[in-house]
Amino acid sequence: MTSEWLCERHRELAGALFPDWAGRFRTTDVKVGILEPPAFYQVPMLVRSFCDDLAERLRHLQEDDLSHIASILA
């Protein structure tokens, strides 16, 4: 899983509804209730870091270890 793959899936999922921004990282800061997500410029780096971390965790699992794979993905 890569940030590019995630963006493509998002574009496929939401592109018809939001053609101007689906599949792209946000370019403005947002606020969700009292939650302040990371600044827009940090999002690409954080997503790449998440993908790298996930890949490394999955690399150390046996292919047939479905309970641990499910746990990591959850």
PDB file of N, CA and C in Angstrom:
ATOM      1  N   MET A   1       0.852  -1.163   0.000  1.00  0.00           N
ATOM      2  CA  MET A   1       0.000   0.000   0.000  1.00  0.00           C
ATOM      3  C   MET A   1       0.902   1.232   0.000  1.00  0.00           C
ATOM      4  N   THR A   2       0.604   2.155  -0.890  1.00  0.00           N
ATOM      5  CA  THR A   2       1.367   3.399  -0.971  1.00  0.00           C
ATOM      6  C   THR A   2       0.397   4.570  -0.923  1.00  0.00           C
ATOM      7  N   SER A   3       0.934   5.757  -0.700  1.00  0.00           N
ATOM      8  CA  SER A   3       0.074   6.936  -0.692  1.00  0.00           C
ATOM      9  C   SER A   3      -0.547   7.155  -2.076  1.00  0.00           C
ATOM     10  N   GLU A   4       0.192   6.803  -3.120  1.00  0.00           N
ATOM     11  CA  GLU A   4      -0.353   6.945  -4.473  1.00  0.00           C
ATOM     12  C   GLU A   4      -1.523   5.980  -4.681  1.00  0.00           C
ATOM     13  N   TRP A   5      -1.378   4.758  -4.181  1.00  0.00           N
ATOM     14  CA  TRP A   5      -2.444   3.763  -4.288  1.00  0.00           C
ATOM     15  C   TRP A   5      -3.685   4.238  -3.534  1.00  0.00           C
ATOM     16  N   LEU A   6      -3.493   4.761  -2.329  1.00  0.00           N
ATOM     17  CA  LEU A   6      -4.622   5.269  -1.549  1.00  0.00           C
ATOM     18  C   LEU A   6      -5.321   6.427  -2.270  1.00  0.00           C
ATOM     19  N   CYS A   7      -4.541   7.324  -2.841  1.00  0.00           N
ATOM     20  CA  CYS A   7      -5.140   8.451  -3.580  1.00  0.00           C
ATOM     21  C   CYS A   7      -5.941   7.947  -4.776  1.00  0.00           C
ATOM     22  N   GLU A   8      -5.406   6.961  -5.477  1.00  0.00           N
ATOM     23  CA  GLU A   8      -6.127   6.412  -6.630  1.00  0.00           C
ATOM     24  C   GLU A   8      -7.434   5.762  -6.194  1.00  0.00           C
ATOM     25  N   ARG A   9      -7.407   5.002  -5.101  1.00  0.00           N
ATOM     26  CA  ARG A   9      -8.647   4.382  -4.599  1.00  0.00           C
ATOM     27  C   ARG A   9      -9.657   5.458  -4.214  1.00  0.00           C
ATOM     28  N   HIS A  10      -9.187   6.529  -3.596  1.00  0.00           N
ATOM     29  CA  HIS A  10     -10.085   7.621  -3.211  1.00  0.00           C
ATOM     30  C   HIS A  10     -10.672   8.291  -4.451  1.00  0.00           C
ATOM     31  N   ARG A  11      -9.850   8.470  -5.476  1.00  0.00           N
ATOM     32  CA  ARG A  11     -10.326   9.071  -6.730  1.00  0.00           C
ATOM     33  C   ARG A  11     -11.395   8.185  -7.366  1.00  0.00           C
ATOM     34  N   GLU A  12     -11.171   6.872  -7.356  1.00  0.00           N
ATOM     35  CA  GLU A  12     -12.156   5.939  -7.910  1.00  0.00           C
ATOM     36  C   GLU A  12     -13.455   5.957  -7.106  1.00  0.00           C
ATOM     37  N   LEU A  13     -13.332   6.044  -5.802  1.00  0.00           N
ATOM     38  CA  LEU A  13     -14.491   6.005  -4.916  1.00  0.00           C
ATOM     39  C   LEU A  13     -15.301   7.301  -4.950  1.00  0.00           C
ATOM     40  N   ALA A  14     -14.620   8.435  -4.905  1.00  0.00           N
ATOM     41  CA  ALA A  14     -15.321   9.709  -4.727  1.00  0.00           C
ATOM     42  C   ALA A  14     -15.172  10.680  -5.891  1.00  0.00           C
ATOM     43  N   GLY A  15     -14.493  10.272  -6.954  1.00  0.00           N
ATOM     44  CA  GLY A  15     -14.232  11.173  -8.072  1.00  0.00           C
ATOM     45  C   GLY A  15     -15.469  11.742  -8.730  1.00  0.00           C
ATOM     46  N   ALA A  16     -16.523  10.947  -8.833  1.00  0.00           N
ATOM     47  CA  ALA A  16     -17.748  11.441  -9.465  1.00  0.00           C
ATOM     48  C   ALA A  16     -18.457  12.468  -8.582  1.00  0.00           C
ATOM     49  N   LEU A  17     -18.315  12.303  -7.272  1.00  0.00           N
ATOM     50  CA  LEU A  17     -18.961  13.236  -6.337  1.00  0.00           C
ATOM     51  C   LEU A  17     -18.157  14.504  -6.133  1.00  0.00           C
ATOM     52  N   PHE A  18     -16.840  14.359  -6.077  1.00  0.00           N
ATOM     53  CA  PHE A  18     -15.965  15.485  -5.778  1.00  0.00           C
ATOM     54  C   PHE A  18     -14.808  15.539  -6.770  1.00  0.00           C
ATOM     55  N   PRO A  19     -15.092  15.824  -8.030  1.00  0.00           N
ATOM     56  CA  PRO A  19     -14.038  15.744  -9.049  1.00  0.00           C
ATOM     57  C   PRO A  19     -12.896  16.734  -8.838  1.00  0.00           C
ATOM     58  N   ASP A  20     -13.144  17.836  -8.140  1.00  0.00           N
ATOM     59  CA  ASP A  20     -12.087  18.836  -7.948  1.00  0.00           C
ATOM     60  C   ASP A  20     -11.019  18.403  -6.952  1.00  0.00           C
ATOM     61  N   TRP A  21     -11.369  17.525  -6.014  1.00  0.00           N
ATOM     62  CA  TRP A  21     -10.380  17.182  -4.997  1.00  0.00           C
ATOM     63  C   TRP A  21     -10.254  15.701  -4.662  1.00  0.00           C
ATOM     64  N   ALA A  22     -11.116  14.863  -5.171  1.00  0.00           N
ATOM     65  CA  ALA A  22     -11.012  13.425  -4.869  1.00  0.00           C
ATOM     66  C   ALA A  22      -9.675  12.877  -5.352  1.00  0.00           C
ATOM     67  N   GLY A  23      -9.013  12.132  -4.506  1.00  0.00           N
ATOM     68  CA  GLY A  23      -7.737  11.527  -4.871  1.00  0.00           C
ATOM     69  C   GLY A  23      -6.547  12.437  -4.693  1.00  0.00           C
ATOM     70  N   ARG A  24      -6.758  13.593  -4.088  1.00  0.00           N
ATOM     71  CA  ARG A  24      -5.654  14.533  -3.848  1.00  0.00           C
ATOM     72  C   ARG A  24      -5.586  14.838  -2.354  1.00  0.00           C
ATOM     73  N   PHE A  25      -4.401  15.148  -1.873  1.00  0.00           N
ATOM     74  CA  PHE A  25      -4.268  15.587  -0.499  1.00  0.00           C
ATOM     75  C   PHE A  25      -4.836  16.987  -0.367  1.00  0.00           C
ATOM     76  N   ARG A  26      -5.402  17.270   0.783  1.00  0.00           N
ATOM     77  CA  ARG A  26      -6.015  18.584   0.975  1.00  0.00           C
ATOM     78  C   ARG A  26      -4.963  19.686   0.947  1.00  0.00           C
ATOM     79  N   THR A  27      -5.397  20.870   0.565  1.00  0.00           N
ATOM     80  CA  THR A  27      -4.491  22.016   0.438  1.00  0.00           C
ATOM     81  C   THR A  27      -4.845  23.132   1.402  1.00  0.00           C
ATOM     82  N   THR A  28      -5.742  22.850   2.331  1.00  0.00           N
ATOM     83  CA  THR A  28      -6.116  23.815   3.362  1.00  0.00           C
ATOM     84  C   THR A  28      -6.226  23.094   4.693  1.00  0.00           C
ATOM     85  N   ASP A  29      -6.114  23.843   5.752  1.00  0.00           N
ATOM     86  CA  ASP A  29      -6.318  23.276   7.081  1.00  0.00           C
ATOM     87  C   ASP A  29      -7.810  23.139   7.338  1.00  0.00           C
ATOM     88  N   VAL A  30      -8.174  22.150   8.118  1.00  0.00           N
ATOM     89  CA  VAL A  30      -9.580  21.906   8.441  1.00  0.00           C
ATOM     90  C   VAL A  30      -9.719  21.739   9.947  1.00  0.00           C
ATOM     91  N   LYS A  31     -10.953  21.803  10.401  1.00  0.00           N
ATOM     92  CA  LYS A  31     -11.262  21.547  11.797  1.00  0.00           C
ATOM     93  C   LYS A  31     -12.515  20.691  11.810  1.00  0.00           C
ATOM     94  N   VAL A  32     -12.522  19.645  12.631  1.00  0.00           N
ATOM     95  CA  VAL A  32     -13.645  18.723  12.713  1.00  0.00           C
ATOM     96  C   VAL A  32     -14.136  18.769  14.153  1.00  0.00           C
ATOM     97  N   GLY A  33     -15.184  19.561  14.393  1.00  0.00           N
ATOM     98  CA  GLY A  33     -15.632  19.755  15.769  1.00  0.00           C
ATOM     99  C   GLY A  33     -14.514  20.409  16.558  1.00  0.00           C
ATOM    100  N   ILE A  34     -14.112  19.774  17.656  1.00  0.00           N
ATOM    101  CA  ILE A  34     -13.005  20.310  18.452  1.00  0.00           C
ATOM    102  C   ILE A  34     -11.663  19.713  18.033  1.00  0.00           C
ATOM    103  N   LEU A  35     -11.691  18.737  17.127  1.00  0.00           N
ATOM    104  CA  LEU A  35     -10.466  18.100  16.640  1.00  0.00           C
ATOM    105  C   LEU A  35      -9.787  18.981  15.603  1.00  0.00           C
ATOM    106  N   GLU A  36      -8.484  19.158  15.755  1.00  0.00           N
ATOM    107  CA  GLU A  36      -7.705  19.867  14.748  1.00  0.00           C
ATOM    108  C   GLU A  36      -6.729  18.874  14.121  1.00  0.00           C
ATOM    109  N   PRO A  37      -7.084  18.332  12.949  1.00  0.00           N
ATOM    110  CA  PRO A  37      -6.196  17.385  12.265  1.00  0.00           C
ATOM    111  C   PRO A  37      -4.863  18.045  11.929  1.00  0.00           C
ATOM    112  N   PRO A  38      -3.885  17.252  11.512  1.00  0.00           N
ATOM    113  CA  PRO A  38      -2.580  17.824  11.143  1.00  0.00           C
ATOM    114  C   PRO A  38      -2.731  18.888  10.053  1.00  0.00           C
ATOM    115  N   ALA A  39      -1.796  19.804  10.046  1.00  0.00           N
ATOM    116  CA  ALA A  39      -1.774  20.840   9.011  1.00  0.00           C
ATOM    117  C   ALA A  39      -1.718  20.183   7.636  1.00  0.00           C
ATOM    118  N   PHE A  40      -2.313  20.844   6.651  1.00  0.00           N
ATOM    119  CA  PHE A  40      -2.426  20.253   5.306  1.00  0.00           C
ATOM    120  C   PHE A  40      -1.077  19.837   4.744  1.00  0.00           C
ATOM    121  N   TYR A  41      -0.033  20.609   5.017  1.00  0.00           N
ATOM    122  CA  TYR A  41       1.273  20.300   4.437  1.00  0.00           C
ATOM    123  C   TYR A  41       1.924  19.072   5.083  1.00  0.00           C
ATOM    124  N   GLN A  42       1.413  18.623   6.244  1.00  0.00           N
ATOM    125  CA  GLN A  42       1.951  17.442   6.902  1.00  0.00           C
ATOM    126  C   GLN A  42       1.290  16.151   6.413  1.00  0.00           C
ATOM    127  N   VAL A  43       0.117  16.258   5.824  1.00  0.00           N
ATOM    128  CA  VAL A  43      -0.660  15.068   5.467  1.00  0.00           C
ATOM    129  C   VAL A  43       0.081  14.133   4.509  1.00  0.00           C
ATOM    130  N   PRO A  44       0.656  14.591   3.405  1.00  0.00           N
ATOM    131  CA  PRO A  44       1.361  13.650   2.519  1.00  0.00           C
ATOM    132  C   PRO A  44       2.468  12.877   3.231  1.00  0.00           C
ATOM    133  N   MET A  45       3.248  13.558   4.066  1.00  0.00           N
ATOM    134  CA  MET A  45       4.326  12.897   4.793  1.00  0.00           C
ATOM    135  C   MET A  45       3.764  11.891   5.797  1.00  0.00           C
ATOM    136  N   LEU A  46       2.701  12.242   6.498  1.00  0.00           N
ATOM    137  CA  LEU A  46       2.110  11.333   7.485  1.00  0.00           C
ATOM    138  C   LEU A  46       1.503  10.099   6.820  1.00  0.00           C
ATOM    139  N   VAL A  47       0.881  10.272   5.669  1.00  0.00           N
ATOM    140  CA  VAL A  47       0.313   9.124   4.957  1.00  0.00           C
ATOM    141  C   VAL A  47       1.431   8.212   4.464  1.00  0.00           C
ATOM    142  N   ARG A  48       2.504   8.790   3.917  1.00  0.00           N
ATOM    143  CA  ARG A  48       3.636   7.978   3.475  1.00  0.00           C
ATOM    144  C   ARG A  48       4.257   7.224   4.651  1.00  0.00           C
ATOM    145  N   SER A  49       4.373   7.898   5.787  1.00  0.00           N
ATOM    146  CA  SER A  49       4.914   7.261   6.983  1.00  0.00           C
ATOM    147  C   SER A  49       4.023   6.105   7.435  1.00  0.00           C
ATOM    148  N   PHE A  50       2.709   6.308   7.403  1.00  0.00           N
ATOM    149  CA  PHE A  50       1.770   5.251   7.747  1.00  0.00           C
ATOM    150  C   PHE A  50       1.943   4.051   6.822  1.00  0.00           C
ATOM    151  N   CYS A  51       2.023   4.312   5.520  1.00  0.00           N
ATOM    152  CA  CYS A  51       2.172   3.224   4.542  1.00  0.00           C
ATOM    153  C   CYS A  51       3.481   2.476   4.749  1.00  0.00           C
ATOM    154  N   ASP A  52       4.565   3.201   5.008  1.00  0.00           N
ATOM    155  CA  ASP A  52       5.860   2.562   5.260  1.00  0.00           C
ATOM    156  C   ASP A  52       5.804   1.710   6.524  1.00  0.00           C
ATOM    157  N   ASP A  53       5.185   2.236   7.564  1.00  0.00           N
ATOM    158  CA  ASP A  53       5.063   1.497   8.815  1.00  0.00           C
ATOM    159  C   ASP A  53       4.241   0.223   8.618  1.00  0.00           C
ATOM    160  N   LEU A  54       3.127   0.353   7.914  1.00  0.00           N
ATOM    161  CA  LEU A  54       2.274  -0.804   7.645  1.00  0.00           C
ATOM    162  C   LEU A  54       3.026  -1.867   6.853  1.00  0.00           C
ATOM    163  N   ALA A  55       3.752  -1.444   5.829  1.00  0.00           N
ATOM    164  CA  ALA A  55       4.513  -2.391   5.008  1.00  0.00           C
ATOM    165  C   ALA A  55       5.548  -3.130   5.847  1.00  0.00           C
ATOM    166  N   GLU A  56       6.222  -2.416   6.729  1.00  0.00           N
ATOM    167  CA  GLU A  56       7.233  -3.060   7.574  1.00  0.00           C
ATOM    168  C   GLU A  56       6.595  -4.050   8.542  1.00  0.00           C
ATOM    169  N   ARG A  57       5.463  -3.700   9.124  1.00  0.00           N
ATOM    170  CA  ARG A  57       4.770  -4.630  10.033  1.00  0.00           C
ATOM    171  C   ARG A  57       4.311  -5.879   9.280  1.00  0.00           C
ATOM    172  N   LEU A  58       3.755  -5.688   8.099  1.00  0.00           N
ATOM    173  CA  LEU A  58       3.282  -6.829   7.317  1.00  0.00           C
ATOM    174  C   LEU A  58       4.430  -7.707   6.829  1.00  0.00           C
ATOM    175  N   ARG A  59       5.566  -7.099   6.609  1.00  0.00           N
ATOM    176  CA  ARG A  59       6.741  -7.844   6.134  1.00  0.00           C
ATOM    177  C   ARG A  59       7.180  -8.910   7.132  1.00  0.00           C
ATOM    178  N   HIS A  60       6.912  -8.682   8.396  1.00  0.00           N
ATOM    179  CA  HIS A  60       7.353  -9.601   9.442  1.00  0.00           C
ATOM    180  C   HIS A  60       6.311 -10.654   9.810  1.00  0.00           C
ATOM    181  N   LEU A  61       5.201 -10.680   9.113  1.00  0.00           N
ATOM    182  CA  LEU A  61       4.156 -11.657   9.400  1.00  0.00           C
ATOM    183  C   LEU A  61       4.206 -12.812   8.416  1.00  0.00           C
ATOM    184  N   GLN A  62       3.766 -13.959   8.864  1.00  0.00           N
ATOM    185  CA  GLN A  62       3.597 -15.096   7.975  1.00  0.00           C
ATOM    186  C   GLN A  62       2.352 -14.853   7.123  1.00  0.00           C
ATOM    187  N   GLU A  63       2.379 -15.268   5.877  1.00  0.00           N
ATOM    188  CA  GLU A  63       1.240 -15.054   4.981  1.00  0.00           C
ATOM    189  C   GLU A  63      -0.041 -15.695   5.490  1.00  0.00           C
ATOM    190  N   ASP A  64       0.084 -16.786   6.224  1.00  0.00           N
ATOM    191  CA  ASP A  64      -1.109 -17.480   6.697  1.00  0.00           C
ATOM    192  C   ASP A  64      -1.528 -17.057   8.113  1.00  0.00           C
ATOM    193  N   ASP A  65      -0.904 -16.036   8.663  1.00  0.00           N
ATOM    194  CA  ASP A  65      -1.209 -15.564  10.013  1.00  0.00           C
ATOM    195  C   ASP A  65      -2.329 -14.523   9.948  1.00  0.00           C
ATOM    196  N   LEU A  66      -3.503 -14.971   9.560  1.00  0.00           N
ATOM    197  CA  LEU A  66      -4.617 -14.068   9.290  1.00  0.00           C
ATOM    198  C   LEU A  66      -5.058 -13.264  10.501  1.00  0.00           C
ATOM    199  N   SER A  67      -4.992 -13.829  11.696  1.00  0.00           N
ATOM    200  CA  SER A  67      -5.423 -13.072  12.880  1.00  0.00           C
ATOM    201  C   SER A  67      -4.524 -11.876  13.133  1.00  0.00           C
ATOM    202  N   HIS A  68      -3.209 -12.034  12.954  1.00  0.00           N
ATOM    203  CA  HIS A  68      -2.301 -10.892  13.140  1.00  0.00           C
ATOM    204  C   HIS A  68      -2.418  -9.884  11.999  1.00  0.00           C
ATOM    205  N   ILE A  69      -2.613 -10.367  10.802  1.00  0.00           N
ATOM    206  CA  ILE A  69      -2.805  -9.456   9.661  1.00  0.00           C
ATOM    207  C   ILE A  69      -4.066  -8.619   9.879  1.00  0.00           C
ATOM    208  N   ALA A  70      -5.149  -9.248  10.274  1.00  0.00           N
ATOM    209  CA  ALA A  70      -6.389  -8.531  10.547  1.00  0.00           C
ATOM    210  C   ALA A  70      -6.211  -7.525  11.674  1.00  0.00           C
ATOM    211  N   SER A  71      -5.481  -7.906  12.709  1.00  0.00           N
ATOM    212  CA  SER A  71      -5.232  -7.020  13.845  1.00  0.00           C
ATOM    213  C   SER A  71      -4.459  -5.769  13.412  1.00  0.00           C
ATOM    214  N   ILE A  72      -3.451  -5.946  12.601  1.00  0.00           N
ATOM    215  CA  ILE A  72      -2.660  -4.801  12.122  1.00  0.00           C
ATOM    216  C   ILE A  72      -3.509  -3.894  11.231  1.00  0.00           C
ATOM    217  N   LEU A  73      -4.274  -4.483  10.341  1.00  0.00           N
ATOM    218  CA  LEU A  73      -5.083  -3.681   9.426  1.00  0.00           C
ATOM    219  C   LEU A  73      -6.221  -2.950  10.154  1.00  0.00           C
ATOM    220  N   ALA A  74      -6.692  -3.540  11.248  1.00  0.00           N
ATOM    221  CA  ALA A  74      -7.763  -2.887  12.021  1.00  0.00           C
ATOM    222  C   ALA A  74      -7.209  -1.643  12.669  1.00  0.00           C
TER     223      ALA A  74
END
